[in-house]
Amino acid sequence: MDEMINILVVDDEKVVRDGCQRVLTGKGYSVLTAENGREGIDLLAREAVDIILLDLKMPVMSGEEVLEKTSERYPDIPVIIITGHGTIDTAVECMKKGAYDFITKPFQIDEFLLTINRAADNRRLTKKARQFQEENVRNLYDLNLEKSRIRTIVNCMANGVMVTNRNLEVVLHNPALMRLLEISREIEGPTPVTQIVNSESLATTLKQIQSGETSTGEFISQEIKAGKNTLRAISVPALGPDDVVVGTVTVLENITPFKQLDEMKSDFVNMVAHELRSPLVSIRQQNSVLLEGLAGPLLEKQKEFLGMGLTKIDQLLELINDLLDIARIEAGMHVQHQISTDIGKIIEDTLALMESRAQEKGISLTYTCNGLKPIYADPKSIEEIFDNLMTNAINYSPGGGQVSVSANGLGEYMEIRIADTGVGIDPEELPKIFDKFYRVKHPETREVMGTGLGLAIVKGVIEAHQGTIDVESTLGKGTVFRILLPVILSDKNA
C-alpha cells in the first residue's frame, strides 16, 4: 500500500485553502493549510510535508520568498505555484528557480488533480530513490566492514589461504601462505597461481575445479612439497550467482611434523618388532626342543606348561608380524613384486588349508568361480588376504554353519565374495572394522584371539592393488566381504 502523501496548501484566500483541502482529502491525500508564507515555513519545520501548493501573492511573506527558503532547506519537496493569469511570467521564473509546476486560478479540477498526482508520483519516486541510495550506502558499509573482518580473520589464520579468480590468478592470500611457501617477495595485484605455488599437481587440481570437472560441494585434498615442508592442500570451488564457479579457495596446512612423527612411529614399530622377534624365535626353538624331549624326558604337566608357553609365543609372533605388515603398508612397501597371478588357484589352496579347521567346527566350505582372468598381484600378499578373511569367517561362525567363496569376472574387474552364516556385525561397528586394533565384540566369540590388525592389513593390501573392499552384515545371520580387483585385459597381454 502506498504511503499517505501530505500536502501543504499556502494561500491567503480561505476559499482556495478550503477548496483544495476538500478536493484533495476526497482523493486520499492528507492536507495542511497555512494563510501566509511565514505560517507555511513554521509548519514545514514541524510537520512532514511531501508537496507544497504555494500562492505567489501573499501578505507577510511572498511566495517567491517561501520558494527561496524551501529550495534551500527542503530541495526534495515539489513546489507547485498557484498563480493568476497576470502572474504567469512570474510563475515561469519560479520554475526556473526550482518550482516543480504551476497551476492557474480558477482551477480546472481535472488539470489540478493531474498536476497533483504527477507531483505525488515524483515525490514517491524521490523517496524510493533516496531509500535505495541509503540502503546501498549501508550495504557498501556493511560489505566493507565484512571484507575488513574477513581479511583480519584470514591474516590471523595459522594455515595458508589462497583465493584465485576465473583466470587462476591469486587475488587474496595471507601471510601464513607466504611463510609456508617460503616466499619473501611481496605480491601485488592478481598473480598467476603458477608463479606462487611450485606444484604441478595443485595447479592441475585448480584447473579441474575451475573448469567444473568436480562437483560444487566437493573438496580435494592432496599433499604437496614446499622446500623442506610437506603441505596438505584442501581446495574447493568459489561459487558466484546461480552456483557458477568463479574461482577457487585453497587452504594449506603444514603437516611436516605429523609426517616426521609418523616416520618415527614406523621406525619405532620396526625396531621394536625386529628386536622382539629374534629373542622370541630363539625362545620358541628352545621350548620346542624341550617339548620334543630332546633334552630329556618330561612329565605331562611340564609338557602342558611348555605347550601353553609356545601358544603364547606364537600369538606374540603373530602380533609382531602384523605390526611389521602395517608399517610396510603405511610406507608403501608391502606390495613390491606384482606378477600375473591366478586368483582361483590361491583361493583353492587356501580353502584346502582351512578344511581341517572348518571340519573341527562343523562348518562346510564351498567355492564357485566363473570367467576368471589373471591379475597383476603379489601372490604372497593375496594369500594373506584370503587366509585372514577365511579364518575370520570360520572363527566367527560358532556352532557350525557355512562359509562360501565365489569369484566372478566382471569386465575389467574380478569380484570375490566371502560369505559366512555366523554371528554377524552390529551396524554401529561396521564403519570401524577396518581400523587398526579394532575388534568386533560379541559374547559368542570372546574366545577368538586376534590383534585387531588383520582387516586393516587386508584393506591396505587390496588398495595397494588398486582394488576395493566393502562389507555387509546382519546380526545373527552372517557377513559378506566383497572384493573388487582389476584384471589383466587381453590387449595388455598382446
Protein backbone atom coordinates (compact mmCIF):
# COMPACT_ATOMS: atom_id res chain seq x y z
CA MET A 1 0.00 0.00 0.00
CA ASP A 2 1.33 3.48 -0.96
CA GLU A 3 2.35 5.79 1.87
CA MET A 4 -0.01 8.74 2.59
CA ILE A 5 1.04 11.92 0.75
CA ASN A 6 0.91 15.09 2.90
CA ILE A 7 0.18 18.31 1.01
CA LEU A 8 0.67 21.81 2.43
CA VAL A 9 -1.56 24.50 0.89
CA VAL A 10 -0.17 28.03 1.47
CA ASP A 11 -2.64 30.67 0.27
CA ASP A 12 -4.07 33.79 1.84
CA GLU A 13 -7.53 33.10 0.37
CA LYS A 14 -9.61 30.87 2.65
CA VAL A 15 -11.83 29.79 -0.25
CA VAL A 16 -8.80 28.42 -2.09
CA ARG A 17 -7.47 26.68 1.02
CA ASP A 18 -10.82 25.06 1.83
CA GLY A 19 -11.45 24.05 -1.78
CA CYS A 20 -8.05 22.42 -2.12
CA GLN A 21 -8.50 20.62 1.20
CA ARG A 22 -11.95 19.30 0.23
CA VAL A 23 -10.88 18.04 -3.22
CA LEU A 24 -7.55 16.53 -2.14
CA THR A 25 -8.89 14.89 1.01
CA GLY A 26 -11.55 13.23 -1.12
CA LYS A 27 -8.76 11.74 -3.27
CA GLY A 28 -6.90 10.22 -0.30
CA TYR A 29 -4.38 12.97 0.38
CA SER A 30 -3.63 14.46 3.80
CA VAL A 31 -3.86 18.27 3.71
CA LEU A 32 -2.35 21.01 5.90
CA THR A 33 -3.13 24.70 5.32
CA ALA A 34 -1.40 28.00 6.03
CA GLU A 35 -2.72 31.50 5.31
CA ASN A 36 0.69 33.12 4.67
CA GLY A 37 4.28 32.27 3.89
CA ARG A 38 5.55 32.68 7.44
CA GLU A 39 2.96 30.26 8.80
CA GLY A 40 3.82 27.82 5.97
CA ILE A 41 7.53 27.92 6.84
CA ASP A 42 6.69 27.25 10.50
CA LEU A 43 4.51 24.26 9.53
CA LEU A 44 7.29 22.82 7.37
CA ALA A 45 9.57 22.88 10.41
CA ARG A 46 7.03 20.89 12.47
CA GLU A 47 5.28 18.57 10.03
CA ALA A 48 6.37 16.07 7.36
CA VAL A 49 5.26 17.52 4.03
CA ASP A 50 5.50 15.87 0.59
CA ILE A 51 4.05 18.54 -1.73
CA ILE A 52 3.62 22.32 -1.36
CA LEU A 53 0.86 24.29 -3.11
CA LEU A 54 2.17 27.85 -2.93
CA ASP A 55 0.39 31.09 -3.80
CA LEU A 56 2.68 33.83 -5.15
CA LYS A 57 0.90 36.92 -3.85
CA MET A 58 0.52 36.82 -0.05
CA PRO A 59 0.98 39.22 2.85
CA VAL A 60 3.74 38.84 5.50
CA MET A 61 5.95 36.68 3.20
CA SER A 62 5.52 36.31 -0.56
CA GLY A 63 5.53 33.05 -2.48
CA GLU A 64 8.89 33.91 -4.06
CA GLU A 65 10.45 34.22 -0.60
CA VAL A 66 8.90 30.93 0.53
CA LEU A 67 10.17 29.20 -2.60
CA GLU A 68 13.67 30.51 -1.97
CA LYS A 69 13.69 29.19 1.60
CA THR A 70 12.13 25.81 0.75
CA SER A 71 14.50 25.29 -2.17
CA GLU A 72 17.37 25.80 0.25
CA ARG A 73 16.01 23.82 3.21
CA TYR A 74 13.76 21.21 1.55
CA PRO A 75 15.07 20.72 -2.01
CA ASP A 76 13.31 17.35 -2.45
CA ILE A 77 9.76 18.66 -1.84
CA PRO A 78 7.94 19.51 -5.10
CA VAL A 79 6.53 23.07 -5.03
CA ILE A 80 3.51 23.78 -7.24
CA ILE A 81 2.93 27.51 -7.78
CA ILE A 82 -0.67 28.82 -7.58
CA THR A 83 -0.89 31.81 -9.85
CA GLY A 84 -3.38 34.03 -11.58
CA HIS A 85 -3.26 34.82 -15.28
CA GLY A 86 -1.46 38.10 -14.56
CA THR A 87 1.46 36.42 -12.84
CA ILE A 88 2.21 33.53 -15.21
CA ASP A 89 5.52 35.07 -16.18
CA THR A 90 6.47 35.18 -12.53
CA ALA A 91 5.43 31.51 -12.12
CA VAL A 92 7.67 30.53 -15.04
CA GLU A 93 10.54 32.36 -13.37
CA CYS A 94 9.79 30.44 -10.20
CA MET A 95 10.06 27.15 -12.09
CA LYS A 96 13.48 28.24 -13.28
CA LYS A 97 14.37 28.71 -9.61
CA GLY A 98 13.24 25.19 -8.65
CA ALA A 99 9.44 25.05 -8.61
CA TYR A 100 8.01 21.76 -9.86
CA ASP A 101 5.00 23.13 -11.81
CA PHE A 102 2.30 25.79 -11.68
CA ILE A 103 -1.50 25.93 -11.94
CA THR A 104 -3.66 28.93 -12.65
CA LYS A 105 -6.73 30.25 -10.92
CA PRO A 106 -9.54 29.43 -11.27
CA PHE A 107 -8.67 25.70 -11.09
CA GLN A 108 -9.86 23.09 -13.55
CA ILE A 109 -10.35 20.08 -11.25
CA ASP A 110 -9.04 17.51 -13.76
CA GLU A 111 -5.97 19.57 -14.59
CA PHE A 112 -5.46 20.35 -10.91
CA LEU A 113 -5.59 16.69 -9.87
CA LEU A 114 -3.36 15.63 -12.79
CA THR A 115 -0.68 18.06 -11.65
CA ILE A 116 -1.01 16.93 -8.02
CA ASN A 117 -0.85 13.24 -8.97
CA ARG A 118 2.23 13.85 -11.10
CA ALA A 119 3.92 15.61 -8.20
CA ALA A 120 2.88 12.81 -5.82
CA ASP A 121 4.40 10.19 -8.12
CA ASN A 122 7.56 12.28 -8.35
CA ARG A 123 7.71 12.50 -4.57
CA ARG A 124 7.25 8.76 -4.15
CA LEU A 125 9.99 8.03 -6.67
CA THR A 126 12.30 10.51 -5.00
CA LYS A 127 11.69 8.85 -1.61
CA LYS A 128 12.26 5.41 -3.07
CA ALA A 129 15.45 6.53 -4.79
CA ARG A 130 16.75 8.01 -1.54
CA GLN A 131 15.81 4.82 0.29
CA PHE A 132 17.72 2.73 -2.25
CA GLN A 133 20.67 5.08 -2.02
CA GLU A 134 20.72 4.84 1.77
CA GLU A 135 20.46 1.04 1.57
CA ASN A 136 23.31 0.94 -0.95
CA VAL A 137 25.44 3.14 1.27
CA ARG A 138 24.60 0.92 4.25
CA ASN A 139 25.26 -2.24 2.23
CA LEU A 140 28.57 -0.88 0.98
CA TYR A 141 29.50 -0.01 4.54
CA ASP A 142 28.49 -3.47 5.74
CA LEU A 143 30.33 -5.04 2.81
CA ASN A 144 33.49 -3.07 3.53
CA LEU A 145 33.16 -3.92 7.21
CA GLU A 146 32.68 -7.62 6.37
CA LYS A 147 35.63 -7.57 3.97
CA SER A 148 37.73 -5.98 6.69
CA ARG A 149 36.66 -8.65 9.16
CA ILE A 150 37.34 -11.46 6.70
CA ARG A 151 40.75 -10.06 5.85
CA THR A 152 41.58 -9.74 9.55
CA ILE A 153 40.47 -13.34 10.19
CA VAL A 154 42.33 -14.67 7.15
CA ASN A 155 45.51 -12.78 8.05
CA CYS A 156 45.41 -14.15 11.60
CA MET A 157 45.00 -17.79 10.49
CA ALA A 158 47.90 -20.15 11.07
CA ASN A 159 47.03 -22.03 7.88
CA GLY A 160 47.75 -20.54 4.47
CA VAL A 161 44.78 -19.25 2.46
CA MET A 162 44.82 -18.67 -1.29
CA VAL A 163 41.86 -17.45 -3.38
CA THR A 164 42.00 -17.41 -7.18
CA ASN A 165 39.71 -15.84 -9.78
CA ARG A 166 38.38 -17.23 -13.07
CA ASN A 167 41.80 -16.81 -14.69
CA LEU A 168 43.51 -18.80 -11.91
CA GLU A 169 45.17 -15.65 -10.61
CA VAL A 170 45.71 -15.26 -6.87
CA VAL A 171 43.52 -12.36 -5.70
CA LEU A 172 43.64 -12.97 -1.94
CA HIS A 173 46.26 -14.55 0.29
CA ASN A 174 47.51 -14.26 3.85
CA PRO A 175 50.97 -14.02 5.45
CA ALA A 176 50.81 -17.68 6.53
CA LEU A 177 50.66 -18.73 2.86
CA MET A 178 53.83 -16.80 2.05
CA ARG A 179 55.57 -18.30 5.08
CA LEU A 180 54.57 -21.89 4.23
CA LEU A 181 55.63 -21.47 0.59
CA GLU A 182 58.85 -19.71 1.68
CA ILE A 183 58.12 -16.66 -0.50
CA SER A 184 59.81 -13.45 0.68
CA ARG A 185 58.75 -11.04 -2.09
CA GLU A 186 55.57 -9.02 -1.95
CA ILE A 187 52.65 -9.93 -4.21
CA GLU A 188 50.68 -7.02 -5.60
CA GLY A 189 47.57 -7.40 -7.73
CA PRO A 190 46.33 -10.59 -9.40
CA THR A 191 49.23 -13.03 -9.91
CA PRO A 192 49.14 -16.36 -11.80
CA VAL A 193 48.98 -19.22 -9.32
CA THR A 194 51.90 -20.98 -11.05
CA GLN A 195 54.15 -18.08 -10.04
CA ILE A 196 53.34 -18.65 -6.37
CA VAL A 197 52.87 -22.41 -5.96
CA ASN A 198 55.53 -24.64 -7.43
CA SER A 199 53.29 -27.71 -7.64
CA GLU A 200 52.05 -29.08 -10.94
CA SER A 201 49.55 -31.38 -9.22
CA LEU A 202 47.92 -28.49 -7.31
CA ALA A 203 47.77 -26.33 -10.45
CA THR A 204 46.08 -29.22 -12.30
CA THR A 205 43.57 -29.64 -9.46
CA LEU A 206 42.68 -25.94 -9.52
CA LYS A 207 42.18 -26.09 -13.30
CA GLN A 208 39.83 -29.06 -12.88
CA ILE A 209 37.82 -27.20 -10.24
CA GLN A 210 37.69 -24.04 -12.37
CA SER A 211 36.52 -25.97 -15.45
CA GLY A 212 33.68 -27.55 -13.47
CA GLU A 213 35.04 -31.11 -13.65
CA THR A 214 34.36 -31.54 -9.93
CA SER A 215 31.01 -31.20 -8.13
CA THR A 216 30.30 -27.86 -6.43
CA GLY A 217 30.24 -29.37 -2.94
CA GLU A 218 33.37 -31.49 -3.36
CA PHE A 219 36.71 -30.61 -1.80
CA ILE A 220 40.00 -32.09 -2.98
CA SER A 221 42.78 -32.87 -0.51
CA GLN A 222 46.34 -33.53 -1.63
CA GLU A 223 49.89 -33.33 -0.35
CA ILE A 224 52.46 -31.03 -1.96
CA LYS A 225 56.10 -30.25 -1.25
CA ALA A 226 57.31 -26.72 -0.48
CA GLY A 227 61.01 -26.72 0.16
CA LYS A 228 61.63 -28.95 3.16
CA ASN A 229 57.99 -28.87 4.20
CA THR A 230 55.10 -31.15 3.32
CA LEU A 231 51.79 -29.30 2.99
CA ARG A 232 48.23 -30.57 2.85
CA ALA A 233 46.26 -28.51 0.32
CA ILE A 234 42.44 -28.60 0.53
CA SER A 235 40.80 -26.93 -2.47
CA VAL A 236 37.13 -26.10 -3.12
CA PRO A 237 35.31 -24.10 -5.81
CA ALA A 238 34.34 -20.48 -5.10
CA LEU A 239 30.75 -20.00 -6.26
CA GLY A 240 29.09 -16.90 -7.66
CA PRO A 241 25.46 -16.21 -8.65
CA ASP A 242 23.50 -19.29 -9.78
CA ASP A 243 26.24 -21.50 -8.27
CA VAL A 244 28.62 -20.73 -11.14
CA VAL A 245 32.29 -21.44 -10.36
CA VAL A 246 34.08 -18.08 -10.32
CA GLY A 247 37.35 -19.21 -8.76
CA THR A 248 38.90 -21.48 -6.15
CA VAL A 249 39.74 -21.38 -2.46
CA THR A 250 42.70 -23.39 -1.13
CA VAL A 251 43.76 -23.84 2.49
CA LEU A 252 47.29 -25.11 3.08
CA GLU A 253 48.37 -26.77 6.33
CA ASN A 254 51.91 -27.70 7.31
CA ILE A 255 51.84 -31.42 8.09
CA THR A 256 55.62 -31.86 8.20
CA PRO A 257 55.68 -32.54 11.97
CA PHE A 258 52.96 -35.17 11.57
CA LYS A 259 54.85 -36.85 8.72
CA GLN A 260 58.02 -36.86 10.83
CA LEU A 261 56.10 -38.25 13.81
CA ASP A 262 54.57 -40.94 11.59
CA GLU A 263 58.03 -41.89 10.30
CA MET A 264 59.36 -42.01 13.86
CA LYS A 265 56.41 -44.23 14.85
CA SER A 266 57.04 -46.57 11.91
CA ASP A 267 60.76 -46.68 12.70
CA PHE A 268 59.97 -47.40 16.34
CA VAL A 269 57.50 -50.17 15.46
CA ASN A 270 60.02 -51.72 13.07
CA MET A 271 62.81 -51.53 15.63
CA VAL A 272 60.73 -52.96 18.47
CA ALA A 273 59.23 -55.69 16.29
CA HIS A 274 62.61 -56.82 15.00
CA GLU A 275 64.20 -56.65 18.45
CA LEU A 276 61.35 -58.69 19.93
CA ARG A 277 61.03 -61.25 17.17
CA SER A 278 64.60 -62.52 17.31
CA PRO A 279 64.61 -63.47 21.02
CA LEU A 280 61.07 -64.84 20.76
CA VAL A 281 62.02 -67.09 17.86
CA SER A 282 65.02 -68.27 19.88
CA ILE A 283 62.86 -68.96 22.97
CA ARG A 284 60.33 -70.83 20.81
CA GLN A 285 63.02 -73.05 19.33
CA GLN A 286 64.39 -73.87 22.78
CA ASN A 287 60.91 -74.67 24.11
CA SER A 288 60.24 -76.86 21.09
CA VAL A 289 63.44 -78.77 21.79
CA LEU A 290 62.36 -79.31 25.38
CA LEU A 291 58.80 -80.29 24.37
CA GLU A 292 60.05 -82.87 21.91
CA GLY A 293 62.12 -84.49 24.70
CA LEU A 294 65.46 -83.87 23.00
CA ALA A 295 66.86 -82.54 26.28
CA GLY A 296 65.48 -85.37 28.39
CA PRO A 297 62.09 -86.86 29.26
CA LEU A 298 59.32 -84.54 30.57
CA LEU A 299 56.35 -85.10 32.80
CA GLU A 300 52.87 -84.49 31.37
CA LYS A 301 52.43 -81.36 33.46
CA GLN A 302 55.73 -79.98 32.17
CA LYS A 303 54.68 -80.68 28.59
CA GLU A 304 51.36 -78.90 29.22
CA PHE A 305 53.11 -75.77 30.50
CA LEU A 306 55.59 -75.75 27.63
CA GLY A 307 52.73 -76.15 25.14
CA MET A 308 50.90 -73.19 26.69
CA GLY A 309 54.09 -71.15 26.50
CA LEU A 310 54.54 -71.99 22.82
CA THR A 311 50.94 -70.88 22.14
CA LYS A 312 51.56 -67.50 23.78
CA ILE A 313 54.84 -67.09 21.89
CA ASP A 314 53.05 -67.83 18.61
CA GLN A 315 50.45 -65.16 19.44
CA LEU A 316 53.20 -62.62 20.14
CA LEU A 317 54.95 -63.52 16.89
CA GLU A 318 51.64 -63.08 15.02
CA LEU A 319 51.21 -59.62 16.58
CA ILE A 320 54.78 -58.66 15.64
CA ASN A 321 54.28 -59.85 12.07
CA ASP A 322 51.05 -57.86 11.82
CA LEU A 323 52.77 -54.75 13.16
CA LEU A 324 55.52 -55.14 10.58
CA ASP A 325 52.94 -55.63 7.82
CA ILE A 326 51.08 -52.45 8.87
CA ALA A 327 54.33 -50.49 8.95
CA ARG A 328 55.25 -51.73 5.45
CA ILE A 329 51.76 -50.93 4.11
CA GLU A 330 51.91 -47.38 5.50
CA ALA A 331 55.35 -46.96 3.98
CA GLY A 332 54.06 -48.25 0.62
CA MET A 333 56.48 -51.18 0.68
CA HIS A 334 54.21 -54.14 1.47
CA VAL A 335 53.32 -54.97 -2.14
CA GLN A 336 56.58 -54.93 -4.09
CA HIS A 337 56.65 -57.76 -6.65
CA GLN A 338 53.49 -57.94 -8.75
CA ILE A 339 53.24 -60.65 -11.37
CA SER A 340 50.46 -62.29 -13.35
CA THR A 341 48.58 -64.24 -10.68
CA ASP A 342 45.85 -66.88 -10.80
CA ILE A 343 43.39 -65.89 -8.08
CA GLY A 344 41.37 -69.11 -8.44
CA LYS A 345 44.40 -71.26 -7.60
CA ILE A 346 45.20 -69.17 -4.50
CA ILE A 347 41.59 -69.46 -3.25
CA GLU A 348 41.57 -73.23 -3.79
CA ASP A 349 44.88 -73.66 -1.95
CA THR A 350 43.67 -71.53 0.96
CA LEU A 351 40.41 -73.48 1.22
CA ALA A 352 42.38 -76.73 1.29
CA LEU A 353 44.44 -75.44 4.22
CA MET A 354 41.28 -74.32 6.05
CA GLU A 355 39.41 -77.61 5.53
CA SER A 356 40.58 -79.35 8.70
CA ARG A 357 39.83 -76.28 10.90
CA ALA A 358 36.36 -75.98 9.35
CA GLN A 359 35.61 -79.68 9.93
CA GLU A 360 36.56 -79.34 13.61
CA LYS A 361 33.83 -76.69 13.97
CA GLY A 362 31.31 -78.46 11.76
CA ILE A 363 31.46 -75.76 9.08
CA SER A 364 31.08 -76.56 5.39
CA LEU A 365 33.25 -74.74 2.83
CA THR A 366 32.07 -74.12 -0.75
CA TYR A 367 33.71 -72.40 -3.71
CA THR A 368 32.39 -71.34 -7.11
CA CYS A 369 34.07 -69.40 -9.91
CA ASN A 370 33.15 -68.06 -13.32
CA GLY A 371 35.03 -66.15 -16.04
CA LEU A 372 38.23 -65.65 -14.06
CA LYS A 373 41.17 -63.76 -15.54
CA PRO A 374 44.66 -63.32 -14.12
CA ILE A 375 45.56 -60.15 -12.21
CA TYR A 376 48.79 -58.30 -11.54
CA ALA A 377 49.46 -59.04 -7.86
CA ASP A 378 51.90 -60.04 -5.18
CA PRO A 379 50.87 -63.72 -4.64
CA LYS A 380 52.08 -63.76 -1.04
CA SER A 381 50.02 -60.66 -0.17
CA ILE A 382 46.93 -62.09 -1.90
CA GLU A 383 47.35 -65.35 0.05
CA GLU A 384 47.47 -63.29 3.25
CA ILE A 385 44.17 -61.58 2.32
CA PHE A 386 42.24 -64.82 1.81
CA ASP A 387 43.86 -66.54 4.79
CA ASN A 388 42.75 -63.67 7.03
CA LEU A 389 39.19 -63.37 5.67
CA MET A 390 38.51 -67.12 5.61
CA THR A 391 39.96 -67.56 9.11
CA ASN A 392 37.64 -64.83 10.39
CA ALA A 393 34.66 -66.39 8.59
CA ILE A 394 35.31 -69.72 10.32
CA ASN A 395 36.13 -68.24 13.73
CA TYR A 396 33.03 -66.05 13.80
CA SER A 397 30.69 -68.89 12.80
CA PRO A 398 30.40 -70.75 16.11
CA GLY A 399 28.43 -73.98 16.27
CA GLY A 400 28.52 -74.88 12.58
CA GLY A 401 27.24 -73.07 9.55
CA GLN A 402 28.60 -72.44 6.09
CA VAL A 403 31.38 -70.36 4.53
CA SER A 404 31.02 -69.80 0.79
CA VAL A 405 33.58 -68.21 -1.51
CA SER A 406 32.79 -67.07 -5.05
CA ALA A 407 34.95 -65.42 -7.72
CA ASN A 408 33.42 -63.96 -10.88
CA GLY A 409 34.73 -61.91 -13.75
CA LEU A 410 33.03 -58.50 -14.15
CA GLY A 411 34.57 -56.97 -17.25
CA GLU A 412 37.68 -55.10 -16.18
CA TYR A 413 37.32 -56.31 -12.58
CA MET A 414 37.05 -59.53 -10.67
CA GLU A 415 34.59 -59.83 -7.80
CA ILE A 416 35.40 -62.10 -4.87
CA ARG A 417 32.75 -62.66 -2.20
CA ILE A 418 33.45 -64.40 1.11
CA ALA A 419 30.19 -65.06 2.96
CA ASP A 420 29.51 -66.76 6.27
CA THR A 421 26.41 -67.63 8.28
CA GLY A 422 27.96 -66.55 11.56
CA VAL A 423 27.11 -64.09 14.34
CA GLY A 424 27.19 -61.00 12.13
CA ILE A 425 28.37 -57.48 12.95
CA ASP A 426 26.41 -54.71 14.64
CA PRO A 427 25.63 -51.85 12.17
CA GLU A 428 27.32 -49.37 14.52
CA GLU A 429 30.55 -51.36 14.35
CA LEU A 430 30.68 -51.79 10.55
CA PRO A 431 32.39 -48.43 9.82
CA LYS A 432 35.17 -49.28 12.33
CA ILE A 433 36.11 -52.84 11.42
CA PHE A 434 38.96 -51.80 9.09
CA ASP A 435 40.52 -49.56 11.77
CA LYS A 436 43.77 -50.68 13.31
CA PHE A 437 43.44 -52.59 16.61
CA TYR A 438 39.64 -52.60 16.42
CA ARG A 439 37.98 -55.91 17.24
CA VAL A 440 34.29 -56.75 16.92
CA LYS A 441 32.74 -57.52 20.30
CA HIS A 442 30.29 -60.40 20.55
CA PRO A 443 29.55 -62.67 23.54
CA GLU A 444 29.72 -65.84 21.42
CA THR A 445 33.22 -65.10 20.11
CA ARG A 446 35.08 -63.94 23.21
CA GLU A 447 37.47 -66.87 22.96
CA VAL A 448 38.58 -65.85 19.45
CA MET A 449 42.08 -64.42 19.78
CA GLY A 450 43.41 -61.70 17.49
CA THR A 451 45.38 -58.48 17.22
CA GLY A 452 42.75 -56.28 15.60
CA LEU A 453 45.14 -55.65 12.72
CA GLY A 454 44.02 -58.32 10.26
CA LEU A 455 41.30 -56.37 8.44
CA ALA A 456 43.44 -53.21 8.39
CA ILE A 457 46.13 -55.23 6.61
CA VAL A 458 43.56 -56.72 4.22
CA LYS A 459 42.26 -53.28 3.27
CA GLY A 460 45.77 -51.87 2.86
CA VAL A 461 46.87 -54.74 0.59
CA ILE A 462 43.73 -54.57 -1.57
CA GLU A 463 44.07 -50.80 -2.03
CA ALA A 464 47.75 -51.27 -2.91
CA HIS A 465 46.48 -53.48 -5.77
CA GLN A 466 44.07 -50.68 -6.90
CA GLY A 467 41.13 -52.66 -5.57
CA THR A 468 38.31 -52.06 -3.10
CA ILE A 469 36.68 -53.98 -0.25
CA ASP A 470 33.32 -53.46 1.42
CA VAL A 471 31.23 -55.43 3.87
CA GLU A 472 27.56 -56.20 4.50
CA SER A 473 26.39 -57.87 7.67
CA THR A 474 23.23 -58.76 9.61
CA LEU A 475 23.34 -59.66 13.28
CA GLY A 476 22.60 -63.32 13.80
CA LYS A 477 22.61 -64.13 10.07
CA GLY A 478 26.14 -63.59 8.82
CA THR A 479 28.60 -61.36 7.00
CA VAL A 480 29.68 -60.89 3.38
CA PHE A 481 33.00 -59.33 2.35
CA ARG A 482 33.10 -58.17 -1.27
CA ILE A 483 36.42 -57.52 -3.03
CA LEU A 484 36.97 -55.95 -6.45
CA LEU A 485 40.39 -56.32 -8.11
CA PRO A 486 41.38 -55.15 -11.62
CA VAL A 487 42.16 -57.95 -14.07
CA ILE A 488 44.73 -58.13 -16.85
CA LEU A 489 42.90 -57.19 -20.05
CA SER A 490 43.57 -59.04 -23.28
CA ASP A 491 45.19 -56.04 -25.01
CA LYS A 492 47.76 -55.89 -22.21
CA ASN A 493 48.74 -59.49 -22.88
CA ALA A 494 49.32 -58.81 -26.53
